[in-house]
């Protein structure tokens, strides 16, 4: 399949499940997350865009692909830690991290606490 030189955002949004570019891309990335963290190249190809054109569109929305992935991982991590008894290692791998240390550092950056502490705090509050 040929990749479009320019990103046709209106056409993409007509077929997307959400009404904004950021929301549609987030939904797309979430569906791909169980298979590993998707690259911008993969997401751009599915969206019918060149990766650089997608980056420019996101920049106009005051965000970046990396920020979207980070937000999704933070949202998914908090949900999984609250709802599941899965080992933190499994959650880290499900979110596309290569090891628990990277996940733990990112989670601490998002929330200010470790994944284990977050799980303990949310369970004791329930």
PDB file of N, CA and C in Angstrom:
ATOM      1  N   UNK A   1       0.825  -1.194   0.000  1.00  0.00           N
ATOM      2  CA  UNK A   1       0.000   0.000   0.000  1.00  0.00           C
ATOM      3  C   UNK A   1       0.864   1.251   0.000  1.00  0.00           C
ATOM      4  N   UNK A   2       0.576   2.183  -0.888  1.00  0.00           N
ATOM      5  CA  UNK A   2       1.348   3.410  -0.903  1.00  0.00           C
ATOM      6  C   UNK A   2       0.978   4.298   0.275  1.00  0.00           C
ATOM      7  N   UNK A   3       1.959   4.965   0.791  1.00  0.00           N
ATOM      8  CA  UNK A   3       1.729   5.883   1.900  1.00  0.00           C
ATOM      9  C   UNK A   3       1.497   7.267   1.317  1.00  0.00           C
ATOM     10  N   UNK A   4       0.479   7.954   1.813  1.00  0.00           N
ATOM     11  CA  UNK A   4       0.155   9.287   1.318  1.00  0.00           C
ATOM     12  C   UNK A   4       1.247  10.276   1.691  1.00  0.00           C
ATOM     13  N   UNK A   5       1.519  11.193   0.805  1.00  0.00           N
ATOM     14  CA  UNK A   5       2.524  12.216   1.093  1.00  0.00           C
ATOM     15  C   UNK A   5       1.989  13.212   2.113  1.00  0.00           C
ATOM     16  N   UNK A   6       0.706  13.542   2.003  1.00  0.00           N
ATOM     17  CA  UNK A   6       0.084  14.474   2.931  1.00  0.00           C
ATOM     18  C   UNK A   6      -0.967  13.721   3.739  1.00  0.00           C
ATOM     19  N   UNK A   7      -1.156  14.131   4.946  1.00  0.00           N
ATOM     20  CA  UNK A   7      -2.125  13.476   5.813  1.00  0.00           C
ATOM     21  C   UNK A   7      -3.487  14.113   5.594  1.00  0.00           C
ATOM     22  N   UNK A   8      -4.446  13.326   5.187  1.00  0.00           N
ATOM     23  CA  UNK A   8      -5.806  13.798   4.946  1.00  0.00           C
ATOM     24  C   UNK A   8      -6.619  13.607   6.226  1.00  0.00           C
ATOM     25  N   UNK A   9      -6.448  14.528   7.147  1.00  0.00           N
ATOM     26  CA  UNK A   9      -7.085  14.416   8.461  1.00  0.00           C
ATOM     27  C   UNK A   9      -8.605  14.310   8.384  1.00  0.00           C
ATOM     28  N   UNK A  10      -9.302  15.128   7.572  1.00  0.00           N
ATOM     29  CA  UNK A  10     -10.765  14.998   7.499  1.00  0.00           C
ATOM     30  C   UNK A  10     -11.220  13.609   7.044  1.00  0.00           C
ATOM     31  N   UNK A  11     -10.543  13.032   6.080  1.00  0.00           N
ATOM     32  CA  UNK A  11     -10.911  11.699   5.608  1.00  0.00           C
ATOM     33  C   UNK A  11     -10.664  10.663   6.691  1.00  0.00           C
ATOM     34  N   UNK A  12      -9.533  10.773   7.381  1.00  0.00           N
ATOM     35  CA  UNK A  12      -9.237   9.842   8.477  1.00  0.00           C
ATOM     36  C   UNK A  12     -10.312   9.925   9.556  1.00  0.00           C
ATOM     37  N   UNK A  13     -10.725  11.143   9.907  1.00  0.00           N
ATOM     38  CA  UNK A  13     -11.712  11.310  10.971  1.00  0.00           C
ATOM     39  C   UNK A  13     -13.094  10.806  10.571  1.00  0.00           C
ATOM     40  N   UNK A  14     -13.393  10.774   9.271  1.00  0.00           N
ATOM     41  CA  UNK A  14     -14.684  10.234   8.820  1.00  0.00           C
ATOM     42  C   UNK A  14     -14.797   8.747   9.147  1.00  0.00           C
ATOM     43  N   UNK A  15     -13.681   8.039   9.126  1.00  0.00           N
ATOM     44  CA  UNK A  15     -13.704   6.603   9.384  1.00  0.00           C
ATOM     45  C   UNK A  15     -13.251   6.267  10.797  1.00  0.00           C
ATOM     46  N   UNK A  16     -12.795   7.244  11.542  1.00  0.00           N
ATOM     47  CA  UNK A  16     -12.285   7.012  12.894  1.00  0.00           C
ATOM     48  C   UNK A  16     -13.439   6.919  13.890  1.00  0.00           C
ATOM     49  N   UNK A  17     -13.234   6.190  14.982  1.00  0.00           N
ATOM     50  CA  UNK A  17     -14.287   6.036  15.989  1.00  0.00           C
ATOM     51  C   UNK A  17     -14.441   7.255  16.905  1.00  0.00           C
ATOM     52  N   UNK A  18     -13.580   8.235  16.775  1.00  0.00           N
ATOM     53  CA  UNK A  18     -13.658   9.435  17.619  1.00  0.00           C
ATOM     54  C   UNK A  18     -13.745  10.658  16.719  1.00  0.00           C
ATOM     55  N   UNK A  19     -14.059  11.805  17.314  1.00  0.00           N
ATOM     56  CA  UNK A  19     -14.265  12.992  16.497  1.00  0.00           C
ATOM     57  C   UNK A  19     -13.091  13.964  16.461  1.00  0.00           C
ATOM     58  N   UNK A  20     -12.014  13.661  17.177  1.00  0.00           N
ATOM     59  CA  UNK A  20     -10.821  14.499  17.081  1.00  0.00           C
ATOM     60  C   UNK A  20      -9.635  13.617  16.703  1.00  0.00           C
ATOM     61  N   UNK A  21      -8.645  14.222  16.113  1.00  0.00           N
ATOM     62  CA  UNK A  21      -7.457  13.485  15.698  1.00  0.00           C
ATOM     63  C   UNK A  21      -6.799  12.802  16.899  1.00  0.00           C
ATOM     64  N   UNK A  22      -6.597  13.537  17.965  1.00  0.00           N
ATOM     65  CA  UNK A  22      -5.918  12.987  19.141  1.00  0.00           C
ATOM     66  C   UNK A  22      -6.715  11.813  19.727  1.00  0.00           C
ATOM     67  N   UNK A  23      -8.019  11.972  19.869  1.00  0.00           N
ATOM     68  CA  UNK A  23      -8.843  10.898  20.427  1.00  0.00           C
ATOM     69  C   UNK A  23      -8.843   9.671  19.516  1.00  0.00           C
ATOM     70  N   UNK A  24      -8.928   9.889  18.216  1.00  0.00           N
ATOM     71  CA  UNK A  24      -8.931   8.766  17.266  1.00  0.00           C
ATOM     72  C   UNK A  24      -7.599   8.022  17.306  1.00  0.00           C
ATOM     73  N   UNK A  25      -6.505   8.756  17.345  1.00  0.00           N
ATOM     74  CA  UNK A  25      -5.194   8.114  17.404  1.00  0.00           C
ATOM     75  C   UNK A  25      -5.003   7.372  18.720  1.00  0.00           C
ATOM     76  N   UNK A  26      -5.494   7.940  19.809  1.00  0.00           N
ATOM     77  CA  UNK A  26      -5.404   7.256  21.101  1.00  0.00           C
ATOM     78  C   UNK A  26      -6.146   5.929  21.051  1.00  0.00           C
ATOM     79  N   UNK A  27      -7.351   5.935  20.476  1.00  0.00           N
ATOM     80  CA  UNK A  27      -8.115   4.691  20.377  1.00  0.00           C
ATOM     81  C   UNK A  27      -7.373   3.669  19.532  1.00  0.00           C
ATOM     82  N   UNK A  28      -6.787   4.123  18.446  1.00  0.00           N
ATOM     83  CA  UNK A  28      -6.034   3.227  17.579  1.00  0.00           C
ATOM     84  C   UNK A  28      -4.836   2.630  18.321  1.00  0.00           C
ATOM     85  N   UNK A  29      -4.106   3.467  19.031  1.00  0.00           N
ATOM     86  CA  UNK A  29      -2.919   3.012  19.766  1.00  0.00           C
ATOM     87  C   UNK A  29      -3.317   2.035  20.873  1.00  0.00           C
ATOM     88  N   UNK A  30      -4.416   2.315  21.578  1.00  0.00           N
ATOM     89  CA  UNK A  30      -4.875   1.418  22.644  1.00  0.00           C
ATOM     90  C   UNK A  30      -5.160   0.029  22.085  1.00  0.00           C
ATOM     91  N   UNK A  31      -5.785  -0.043  20.909  1.00  0.00           N
ATOM     92  CA  UNK A  31      -6.092  -1.353  20.344  1.00  0.00           C
ATOM     93  C   UNK A  31      -4.831  -2.106  19.929  1.00  0.00           C
ATOM     94  N   UNK A  32      -3.766  -1.378  19.648  1.00  0.00           N
ATOM     95  CA  UNK A  32      -2.516  -2.001  19.226  1.00  0.00           C
ATOM     96  C   UNK A  32      -1.604  -2.339  20.410  1.00  0.00           C
ATOM     97  N   UNK A  33      -1.813  -1.723  21.537  1.00  0.00           N
ATOM     98  CA  UNK A  33      -0.923  -1.854  22.695  1.00  0.00           C
ATOM     99  C   UNK A  33      -0.695  -3.297  23.156  1.00  0.00           C
ATOM    100  N   UNK A  34      -1.714  -4.177  23.147  1.00  0.00           N
ATOM    101  CA  UNK A  34      -1.445  -5.554  23.606  1.00  0.00           C
ATOM    102  C   UNK A  34      -0.406  -6.298  22.760  1.00  0.00           C
ATOM    103  N   UNK A  35      -0.114  -5.783  21.591  1.00  0.00           N
ATOM    104  CA  UNK A  35       0.875  -6.423  20.713  1.00  0.00           C
ATOM    105  C   UNK A  35       2.216  -5.711  20.776  1.00  0.00           C
ATOM    106  N   UNK A  36       2.404  -4.885  21.784  1.00  0.00           N
ATOM    107  CA  UNK A  36       3.618  -4.099  21.925  1.00  0.00           C
ATOM    108  C   UNK A  36       3.331  -2.656  21.562  1.00  0.00           C
ATOM    109  N   UNK A  37       4.150  -1.789  22.037  1.00  0.00           N
ATOM    110  CA  UNK A  37       3.948  -0.371  21.786  1.00  0.00           C
ATOM    111  C   UNK A  37       4.144  -0.084  20.293  1.00  0.00           C
ATOM    112  N   UNK A  38       3.127   0.442  19.615  1.00  0.00           N
ATOM    113  CA  UNK A  38       3.260   0.675  18.179  1.00  0.00           C
ATOM    114  C   UNK A  38       4.181   1.849  17.869  1.00  0.00           C
ATOM    115  N   UNK A  39       4.813   1.780  16.734  1.00  0.00           N
ATOM    116  CA  UNK A  39       5.683   2.876  16.292  1.00  0.00           C
ATOM    117  C   UNK A  39       4.846   3.909  15.552  1.00  0.00           C
ATOM    118  N   UNK A  40       5.385   5.105  15.432  1.00  0.00           N
ATOM    119  CA  UNK A  40       4.678   6.135  14.687  1.00  0.00           C
ATOM    120  C   UNK A  40       4.532   5.723  13.218  1.00  0.00           C
ATOM    121  N   UNK A  41       5.499   4.973  12.715  1.00  0.00           N
ATOM    122  CA  UNK A  41       5.423   4.518  11.329  1.00  0.00           C
ATOM    123  C   UNK A  41       4.224   3.597  11.119  1.00  0.00           C
ATOM    124  N   UNK A  42       4.002   2.688  12.056  1.00  0.00           N
ATOM    125  CA  UNK A  42       2.879   1.762  11.962  1.00  0.00           C
ATOM    126  C   UNK A  42       1.550   2.504  12.069  1.00  0.00           C
ATOM    127  N   UNK A  43       1.439   3.387  13.043  1.00  0.00           N
ATOM    128  CA  UNK A  43       0.202   4.145  13.235  1.00  0.00           C
ATOM    129  C   UNK A  43      -0.056   5.044  12.029  1.00  0.00           C
ATOM    130  N   UNK A  44       0.979   5.683  11.515  1.00  0.00           N
ATOM    131  CA  UNK A  44       0.819   6.557  10.352  1.00  0.00           C
ATOM    132  C   UNK A  44       0.347   5.756   9.140  1.00  0.00           C
ATOM    133  N   UNK A  45       0.911   4.586   8.948  1.00  0.00           N
ATOM    134  CA  UNK A  45       0.495   3.758   7.809  1.00  0.00           C
ATOM    135  C   UNK A  45      -0.983   3.389   7.906  1.00  0.00           C
ATOM    136  N   UNK A  46      -1.428   2.997   9.088  1.00  0.00           N
ATOM    137  CA  UNK A  46      -2.839   2.646   9.278  1.00  0.00           C
ATOM    138  C   UNK A  46      -3.732   3.869   9.062  1.00  0.00           C
ATOM    139  N   UNK A  47      -3.252   5.026   9.499  1.00  0.00           N
ATOM    140  CA  UNK A  47      -4.022   6.262   9.339  1.00  0.00           C
ATOM    141  C   UNK A  47      -3.940   6.821   7.922  1.00  0.00           C
ATOM    142  N   UNK A  48      -3.100   6.226   7.085  1.00  0.00           N
ATOM    143  CA  UNK A  48      -2.965   6.693   5.716  1.00  0.00           C
ATOM    144  C   UNK A  48      -2.128   7.943   5.593  1.00  0.00           C
ATOM    145  N   UNK A  49      -1.099   8.036   6.421  1.00  0.00           N
ATOM    146  CA  UNK A  49      -0.262   9.238   6.446  1.00  0.00           C
ATOM    147  C   UNK A  49       1.209   8.875   6.407  1.00  0.00           C
ATOM    148  N   UNK A  50       2.001   9.825   6.017  1.00  0.00           N
ATOM    149  CA  UNK A  50       3.445   9.708   6.164  1.00  0.00           C
ATOM    150  C   UNK A  50       3.744  10.053   7.623  1.00  0.00           C
ATOM    151  N   UNK A  51       4.684   9.373   8.265  1.00  0.00           N
ATOM    152  CA  UNK A  51       4.969   9.663   9.678  1.00  0.00           C
ATOM    153  C   UNK A  51       5.236  11.144   9.963  1.00  0.00           C
ATOM    154  N   UNK A  52       5.969  11.796   9.090  1.00  0.00           N
ATOM    155  CA  UNK A  52       6.272  13.219   9.324  1.00  0.00           C
ATOM    156  C   UNK A  52       5.011  14.078   9.227  1.00  0.00           C
ATOM    157  N   UNK A  53       4.121  13.730   8.296  1.00  0.00           N
ATOM    158  CA  UNK A  53       2.860  14.479   8.168  1.00  0.00           C
ATOM    159  C   UNK A  53       2.010  14.295   9.424  1.00  0.00           C
ATOM    160  N   UNK A  54       2.011  13.082   9.963  1.00  0.00           N
ATOM    161  CA  UNK A  54       1.277  12.829  11.201  1.00  0.00           C
ATOM    162  C   UNK A  54       1.892  13.622  12.351  1.00  0.00           C
ATOM    163  N   UNK A  55       3.207  13.659  12.422  1.00  0.00           N
ATOM    164  CA  UNK A  55       3.882  14.446  13.462  1.00  0.00           C
ATOM    165  C   UNK A  55       3.488  15.919  13.366  1.00  0.00           C
ATOM    166  N   UNK A  56       3.439  16.452  12.144  1.00  0.00           N
ATOM    167  CA  UNK A  56       3.054  17.863  11.974  1.00  0.00           C
ATOM    168  C   UNK A  56       1.616  18.093  12.421  1.00  0.00           C
ATOM    169  N   UNK A  57       0.717  17.164  12.072  1.00  0.00           N
ATOM    170  CA  UNK A  57      -0.681  17.296  12.499  1.00  0.00           C
ATOM    171  C   UNK A  57      -0.798  17.275  14.019  1.00  0.00           C
ATOM    172  N   UNK A  58      -0.051  16.402  14.654  1.00  0.00           N
ATOM    173  CA  UNK A  58      -0.063  16.341  16.116  1.00  0.00           C
ATOM    174  C   UNK A  58       0.530  17.606  16.721  1.00  0.00           C
ATOM    175  N   UNK A  59       1.574  18.126  16.104  1.00  0.00           N
ATOM    176  CA  UNK A  59       2.190  19.365  16.600  1.00  0.00           C
ATOM    177  C   UNK A  59       1.174  20.513  16.567  1.00  0.00           C
ATOM    178  N   UNK A  60       0.345  20.547  15.523  1.00  0.00           N
ATOM    179  CA  UNK A  60      -0.698  21.581  15.453  1.00  0.00           C
ATOM    180  C   UNK A  60      -1.723  21.407  16.563  1.00  0.00           C
ATOM    181  N   UNK A  61      -1.831  20.207  17.107  1.00  0.00           N
ATOM    182  CA  UNK A  61      -2.733  19.936  18.228  1.00  0.00           C
ATOM    183  C   UNK A  61      -2.013  20.086  19.577  1.00  0.00           C
ATOM    184  N   UNK A  62      -0.790  20.609  19.543  1.00  0.00           N
ATOM    185  CA  UNK A  62       0.036  20.835  20.735  1.00  0.00           C
ATOM    186  C   UNK A  62       0.386  19.545  21.469  1.00  0.00           C
ATOM    187  N   UNK A  63       0.648  18.492  20.710  1.00  0.00           N
ATOM    188  CA  UNK A  63       1.068  17.232  21.313  1.00  0.00           C
ATOM    189  C   UNK A  63       2.037  16.530  20.368  1.00  0.00           C
ATOM    190  N   UNK A  64       2.490  15.368  20.777  1.00  0.00           N
ATOM    191  CA  UNK A  64       3.387  14.562  19.944  1.00  0.00           C
ATOM    192  C   UNK A  64       2.969  13.102  20.073  1.00  0.00           C
ATOM    193  N   UNK A  65       3.478  12.279  19.182  1.00  0.00           N
ATOM    194  CA  UNK A  65       3.185  10.854  19.244  1.00  0.00           C
ATOM    195  C   UNK A  65       3.668  10.286  20.571  1.00  0.00           C
ATOM    196  N   UNK A  66       4.852  10.662  21.000  1.00  0.00           N
ATOM    197  CA  UNK A  66       5.413  10.171  22.258  1.00  0.00           C
ATOM    198  C   UNK A  66       4.513  10.552  23.430  1.00  0.00           C
ATOM    199  N   UNK A  67       3.979  11.781  23.416  1.00  0.00           N
ATOM    200  CA  UNK A  67       3.085  12.215  24.495  1.00  0.00           C
ATOM    201  C   UNK A  67       1.796  11.386  24.509  1.00  0.00           C
ATOM    202  N   UNK A  68       1.262  11.096  23.320  1.00  0.00           N
ATOM    203  CA  UNK A  68       0.057  10.264  23.249  1.00  0.00           C
ATOM    204  C   UNK A  68       0.310   8.890  23.850  1.00  0.00           C
ATOM    205  N   UNK A  69       1.406   8.273  23.436  1.00  0.00           N
ATOM    206  CA  UNK A  69       1.742   6.940  23.948  1.00  0.00           C
ATOM    207  C   UNK A  69       1.938   6.996  25.460  1.00  0.00           C
ATOM    208  N   UNK A  70       2.605   8.019  25.936  1.00  0.00           N
ATOM    209  CA  UNK A  70       2.841   8.175  27.369  1.00  0.00           C
ATOM    210  C   UNK A  70       1.515   8.308  28.130  1.00  0.00           C
ATOM    211  N   UNK A  71       0.594   9.130  27.614  1.00  0.00           N
ATOM    212  CA  UNK A  71      -0.705   9.308  28.260  1.00  0.00           C
ATOM    213  C   UNK A  71      -1.485   7.994  28.299  1.00  0.00           C
ATOM    214  N   UNK A  72      -1.458   7.279  27.191  1.00  0.00           N
ATOM    215  CA  UNK A  72      -2.172   6.001  27.119  1.00  0.00           C
ATOM    216  C   UNK A  72      -1.582   5.007  28.113  1.00  0.00           C
ATOM    217  N   UNK A  73      -0.272   4.930  28.140  1.00  0.00           N
ATOM    218  CA  UNK A  73       0.374   4.005  29.080  1.00  0.00           C
ATOM    219  C   UNK A  73       0.028   4.369  30.526  1.00  0.00           C
ATOM    220  N   UNK A  74       0.025   5.655  30.850  1.00  0.00           N
ATOM    221  CA  UNK A  74      -0.304   6.087  32.215  1.00  0.00           C
ATOM    222  C   UNK A  74      -1.742   5.716  32.556  1.00  0.00           C
ATOM    223  N   UNK A  75      -2.668   5.985  31.634  1.00  0.00           N
ATOM    224  CA  UNK A  75      -4.081   5.658  31.873  1.00  0.00           C
ATOM    225  C   UNK A  75      -4.265   4.148  32.034  1.00  0.00           C
ATOM    226  N   UNK A  76      -3.680   3.380  31.121  1.00  0.00           N
ATOM    227  CA  UNK A  76      -3.821   1.931  31.164  1.00  0.00           C
ATOM    228  C   UNK A  76      -3.170   1.348  32.425  1.00  0.00           C
ATOM    229  N   UNK A  77      -2.019   1.869  32.795  1.00  0.00           N
ATOM    230  CA  UNK A  77      -1.312   1.359  33.976  1.00  0.00           C
ATOM    231  C   UNK A  77      -2.142   1.551  35.237  1.00  0.00           C
ATOM    232  N   UNK A  78      -2.725   2.728  35.407  1.00  0.00           N
ATOM    233  CA  UNK A  78      -3.515   2.959  36.617  1.00  0.00           C
ATOM    234  C   UNK A  78      -4.745   2.060  36.646  1.00  0.00           C
ATOM    235  N   UNK A  79      -5.380   1.858  35.498  1.00  0.00           N
ATOM    236  CA  UNK A  79      -6.546   0.970  35.435  1.00  0.00           C
ATOM    237  C   UNK A  79      -6.137  -0.463  35.769  1.00  0.00           C
ATOM    238  N   UNK A  80      -5.068  -0.937  35.152  1.00  0.00           N
ATOM    239  CA  UNK A  80      -4.631  -2.320  35.375  1.00  0.00           C
ATOM    240  C   UNK A  80      -4.178  -2.563  36.811  1.00  0.00           C
ATOM    241  N   UNK A  81      -3.497  -1.586  37.386  1.00  0.00           N
ATOM    242  CA  UNK A  81      -3.034  -1.761  38.761  1.00  0.00           C
ATOM    243  C   UNK A  81      -4.190  -1.763  39.755  1.00  0.00           C
ATOM    244  N   UNK A  82      -5.249  -1.024  39.459  1.00  0.00           N
ATOM    245  CA  UNK A  82      -6.421  -0.997  40.335  1.00  0.00           C
ATOM    246  C   UNK A  82      -7.260  -2.261  40.179  1.00  0.00           C
ATOM    247  N   UNK A  83      -7.416  -2.712  38.944  1.00  0.00           N
ATOM    248  CA  UNK A  83      -8.406  -3.740  38.652  1.00  0.00           C
ATOM    249  C   UNK A  83      -7.881  -5.165  38.681  1.00  0.00           C
ATOM    250  N   UNK A  84      -6.618  -5.359  38.475  1.00  0.00           N
ATOM    251  CA  UNK A  84      -6.104  -6.712  38.310  1.00  0.00           C
ATOM    252  C   UNK A  84      -5.096  -7.087  39.390  1.00  0.00           C
ATOM    253  N   UNK A  85      -4.997  -8.382  39.587  1.00  0.00           N
ATOM    254  CA  UNK A  85      -3.975  -8.901  40.489  1.00  0.00           C
ATOM    255  C   UNK A  85      -2.758  -9.362  39.713  1.00  0.00           C
ATOM    256  N   UNK A  86      -2.703  -9.023  38.430  1.00  0.00           N
ATOM    257  CA  UNK A  86      -1.583  -9.439  37.584  1.00  0.00           C
ATOM    258  C   UNK A  86      -0.280  -8.891  38.157  1.00  0.00           C
ATOM    259  N   UNK A  87       0.777  -9.657  38.048  1.00  0.00           N
ATOM    260  CA  UNK A  87       2.074  -9.155  38.500  1.00  0.00           C
ATOM    261  C   UNK A  87       2.448  -7.872  37.764  1.00  0.00           C
ATOM    262  N   UNK A  88       3.134  -7.002  38.453  1.00  0.00           N
ATOM    263  CA  UNK A  88       3.546  -5.726  37.862  1.00  0.00           C
ATOM    264  C   UNK A  88       4.419  -5.963  36.633  1.00  0.00           C
ATOM    265  N   UNK A  89       5.193  -7.027  36.642  1.00  0.00           N
ATOM    266  CA  UNK A  89       6.010  -7.381  35.482  1.00  0.00           C
ATOM    267  C   UNK A  89       5.139  -7.610  34.259  1.00  0.00           C
ATOM    268  N   UNK A  90       4.037  -8.331  34.415  1.00  0.00           N
ATOM    269  CA  UNK A  90       3.128  -8.591  33.301  1.00  0.00           C
ATOM    270  C   UNK A  90       2.508  -7.293  32.780  1.00  0.00           C
ATOM    271  N   UNK A  91       2.127  -6.413  33.693  1.00  0.00           N
ATOM    272  CA  UNK A  91       1.542  -5.132  33.290  1.00  0.00           C
ATOM    273  C   UNK A  91       2.570  -4.323  32.504  1.00  0.00           C
ATOM    274  N   UNK A  92       3.801  -4.305  32.970  1.00  0.00           N
ATOM    275  CA  UNK A  92       4.866  -3.580  32.265  1.00  0.00           C
ATOM    276  C   UNK A  92       5.029  -4.102  30.844  1.00  0.00           C
ATOM    277  N   UNK A  93       5.079  -5.418  30.686  1.00  0.00           N
ATOM    278  CA  UNK A  93       5.232  -6.007  29.351  1.00  0.00           C
ATOM    279  C   UNK A  93       4.001  -5.753  28.492  1.00  0.00           C
ATOM    280  N   UNK A  94       2.806  -5.821  29.078  1.00  0.00           N
ATOM    281  CA  UNK A  94       1.569  -5.549  28.333  1.00  0.00           C
ATOM    282  C   UNK A  94       1.534  -4.124  27.792  1.00  0.00           C
ATOM    283  N   UNK A  95       2.187  -3.216  28.495  1.00  0.00           N
ATOM    284  CA  UNK A  95       2.214  -1.817  28.060  1.00  0.00           C
ATOM    285  C   UNK A  95       3.397  -1.508  27.149  1.00  0.00           C
ATOM    286  N   UNK A  96       4.148  -2.549  26.799  1.00  0.00           N
ATOM    287  CA  UNK A  96       5.216  -2.370  25.827  1.00  0.00           C
ATOM    288  C   UNK A  96       6.575  -2.017  26.407  1.00  0.00           C
ATOM    289  N   UNK A  97       6.743  -2.150  27.713  1.00  0.00           N
ATOM    290  CA  UNK A  97       8.044  -1.879  28.316  1.00  0.00           C
ATOM    291  C   UNK A  97       8.910  -3.129  28.234  1.00  0.00           C
ATOM    292  N   UNK A  98      10.201  -2.922  28.024  1.00  0.00           N
ATOM    293  CA  UNK A  98      11.110  -4.059  27.898  1.00  0.00           C
ATOM    294  C   UNK A  98      11.491  -4.639  29.255  1.00  0.00           C
ATOM    295  N   UNK A  99      11.356  -3.837  30.305  1.00  0.00           N
ATOM    296  CA  UNK A  99      11.602  -4.356  31.650  1.00  0.00           C
ATOM    297  C   UNK A  99      10.854  -3.534  32.690  1.00  0.00           C
ATOM    298  N   UNK A 100      10.753  -4.092  33.878  1.00  0.00           N
ATOM    299  CA  UNK A 100       9.981  -3.478  34.956  1.00  0.00           C
ATOM    300  C   UNK A 100      10.600  -2.160  35.421  1.00  0.00           C
ATOM    301  N   UNK A 101      11.910  -2.067  35.385  1.00  0.00           N
ATOM    302  CA  UNK A 101      12.574  -0.840  35.857  1.00  0.00           C
ATOM    303  C   UNK A 101      12.147   0.370  35.026  1.00  0.00           C
ATOM    304  N   UNK A 102      12.079   0.214  33.704  1.00  0.00           N
ATOM    305  CA  UNK A 102      11.635   1.326  32.851  1.00  0.00           C
ATOM    306  C   UNK A 102      10.192   1.708  33.171  1.00  0.00           C
ATOM    307  N   UNK A 103       9.353   0.695  33.327  1.00  0.00           N
ATOM    308  CA  UNK A 103       7.952   0.946  33.675  1.00  0.00           C
ATOM    309  C   UNK A 103       7.842   1.650  35.022  1.00  0.00           C
ATOM    310  N   UNK A 104       8.567   1.175  36.003  1.00  0.00           N
ATOM    311  CA  UNK A 104       8.499   1.769  37.347  1.00  0.00           C
ATOM    312  C   UNK A 104       8.937   3.228  37.341  1.00  0.00           C
ATOM    313  N   UNK A 105      10.003   3.532  36.606  1.00  0.00           N
ATOM    314  CA  UNK A 105      10.455   4.930  36.517  1.00  0.00           C
ATOM    315  C   UNK A 105       9.398   5.807  35.852  1.00  0.00           C
ATOM    316  N   UNK A 106       8.819   5.314  34.770  1.00  0.00           N
ATOM    317  CA  UNK A 106       7.777   6.082  34.072  1.00  0.00           C
ATOM    318  C   UNK A 106       6.560   6.266  34.980  1.00  0.00           C
ATOM    319  N   UNK A 107       6.160   5.207  35.666  1.00  0.00           N
ATOM    320  CA  UNK A 107       4.989   5.291  36.538  1.00  0.00           C
ATOM    321  C   UNK A 107       5.221   6.288  37.670  1.00  0.00           C
ATOM    322  N   UNK A 108       6.411   6.273  38.228  1.00  0.00           N
ATOM    323  CA  UNK A 108       6.745   7.235  39.294  1.00  0.00           C
ATOM    324  C   UNK A 108       6.710   8.671  38.757  1.00  0.00           C
ATOM    325  N   UNK A 109       7.139   8.851  37.516  1.00  0.00           N
ATOM    326  CA  UNK A 109       7.099  10.178  36.883  1.00  0.00           C
ATOM    327  C   UNK A 109       5.644  10.635  36.714  1.00  0.00           C
ATOM    328  N   UNK A 110       4.746   9.715  36.344  1.00  0.00           N
ATOM    329  CA  UNK A 110       3.343  10.058  36.132  1.00  0.00           C
ATOM    330  C   UNK A 110       2.604  10.326  37.424  1.00  0.00           C
ATOM    331  N   UNK A 111       2.876   9.516  38.458  1.00  0.00           N
ATOM    332  CA  UNK A 111       2.045   9.553  39.666  1.00  0.00           C
ATOM    333  C   UNK A 111       2.763  10.007  40.922  1.00  0.00           C
ATOM    334  N   UNK A 112       4.074   9.946  40.916  1.00  0.00           N
ATOM    335  CA  UNK A 112       4.826  10.307  42.106  1.00  0.00           C
ATOM    336  C   UNK A 112       5.080   9.141  43.052  1.00  0.00           C
ATOM    337  N   UNK A 113       4.524   7.967  42.727  1.00  0.00           N
ATOM    338  CA  UNK A 113       4.730   6.773  43.557  1.00  0.00           C
ATOM    339  C   UNK A 113       5.057   5.584  42.660  1.00  0.00           C
ATOM    340  N   UNK A 114       5.589   4.544  43.258  1.00  0.00           N
ATOM    341  CA  UNK A 114       5.900   3.326  42.503  1.00  0.00           C
ATOM    342  C   UNK A 114       4.608   2.573  42.173  1.00  0.00           C
ATOM    343  N   UNK A 115       4.636   1.685  41.186  1.00  0.00           N
ATOM    344  CA  UNK A 115       3.444   0.882  40.879  1.00  0.00           C
ATOM    345  C   UNK A 115       2.957   0.078  42.086  1.00  0.00           C
ATOM    346  N   UNK A 116       3.877  -0.494  42.833  1.00  0.00           N
ATOM    347  CA  UNK A 116       3.500  -1.290  44.012  1.00  0.00           C
ATOM    348  C   UNK A 116       2.814  -0.407  45.061  1.00  0.00           C
ATOM    349  N   UNK A 117       3.378   0.778  45.310  1.00  0.00           N
ATOM    350  CA  UNK A 117       2.770   1.693  46.280  1.00  0.00           C
ATOM    351  C   UNK A 117       1.405   2.166  45.790  1.00  0.00           C
ATOM    352  N   UNK A 118       1.280   2.439  44.509  1.00  0.00           N
ATOM    353  CA  UNK A 118      -0.001   2.873  43.937  1.00  0.00           C
ATOM    354  C   UNK A 118      -1.059   1.790  44.138  1.00  0.00           C
ATOM    355  N   UNK A 119      -0.704   0.563  43.860  1.00  0.00           N
ATOM    356  CA  UNK A 119      -1.637  -0.555  44.029  1.00  0.00           C
ATOM    357  C   UNK A 119      -2.069  -0.659  45.497  1.00  0.00           C
ATOM    358  N   UNK A 120      -1.111  -0.553  46.397  1.00  0.00           N
ATOM    359  CA  UNK A 120      -1.415  -0.650  47.832  1.00  0.00           C
ATOM    360  C   UNK A 120      -2.332   0.503  48.269  1.00  0.00           C
ATOM    361  N   UNK A 121      -2.034   1.728  47.811  1.00  0.00           N
ATOM    362  CA  UNK A 121      -2.817   2.904  48.203  1.00  0.00           C
ATOM    363  C   UNK A 121      -4.246   2.808  47.662  1.00  0.00           C
ATOM    364  N   UNK A 122      -4.382   2.436  46.408  1.00  0.00           N
ATOM    365  CA  UNK A 122      -5.722   2.385  45.809  1.00  0.00           C
ATOM    366  C   UNK A 122      -6.558   1.247  46.407  1.00  0.00           C
ATOM    367  N   UNK A 123      -5.922   0.172  46.764  1.00  0.00           N
ATOM    368  CA  UNK A 123      -6.678  -0.940  47.361  1.00  0.00           C
ATOM    369  C   UNK A 123      -7.082  -0.635  48.799  1.00  0.00           C
ATOM    370  N   UNK A 124      -6.233   0.066  49.534  1.00  0.00           N
ATOM    371  CA  UNK A 124      -6.591   0.388  50.916  1.00  0.00           C
ATOM    372  C   UNK A 124      -7.662   1.476  50.969  1.00  0.00           C
ATOM    373  N   UNK A 125      -7.752   2.307  49.923  1.00  0.00           N
ATOM    374  CA  UNK A 125      -8.764   3.360  49.864  1.00  0.00           C
ATOM    375  C   UNK A 125     -10.133   2.804  49.475  1.00  0.00           C
ATOM    376  N   UNK A 126     -10.133   1.634  48.853  1.00  0.00           N
ATOM    377  CA  UNK A 126     -11.422   1.060  48.367  1.00  0.00           C
ATOM    378  C   UNK A 126     -12.217   0.420  49.470  1.00  0.00           C
TER     379      UNK A 126
END
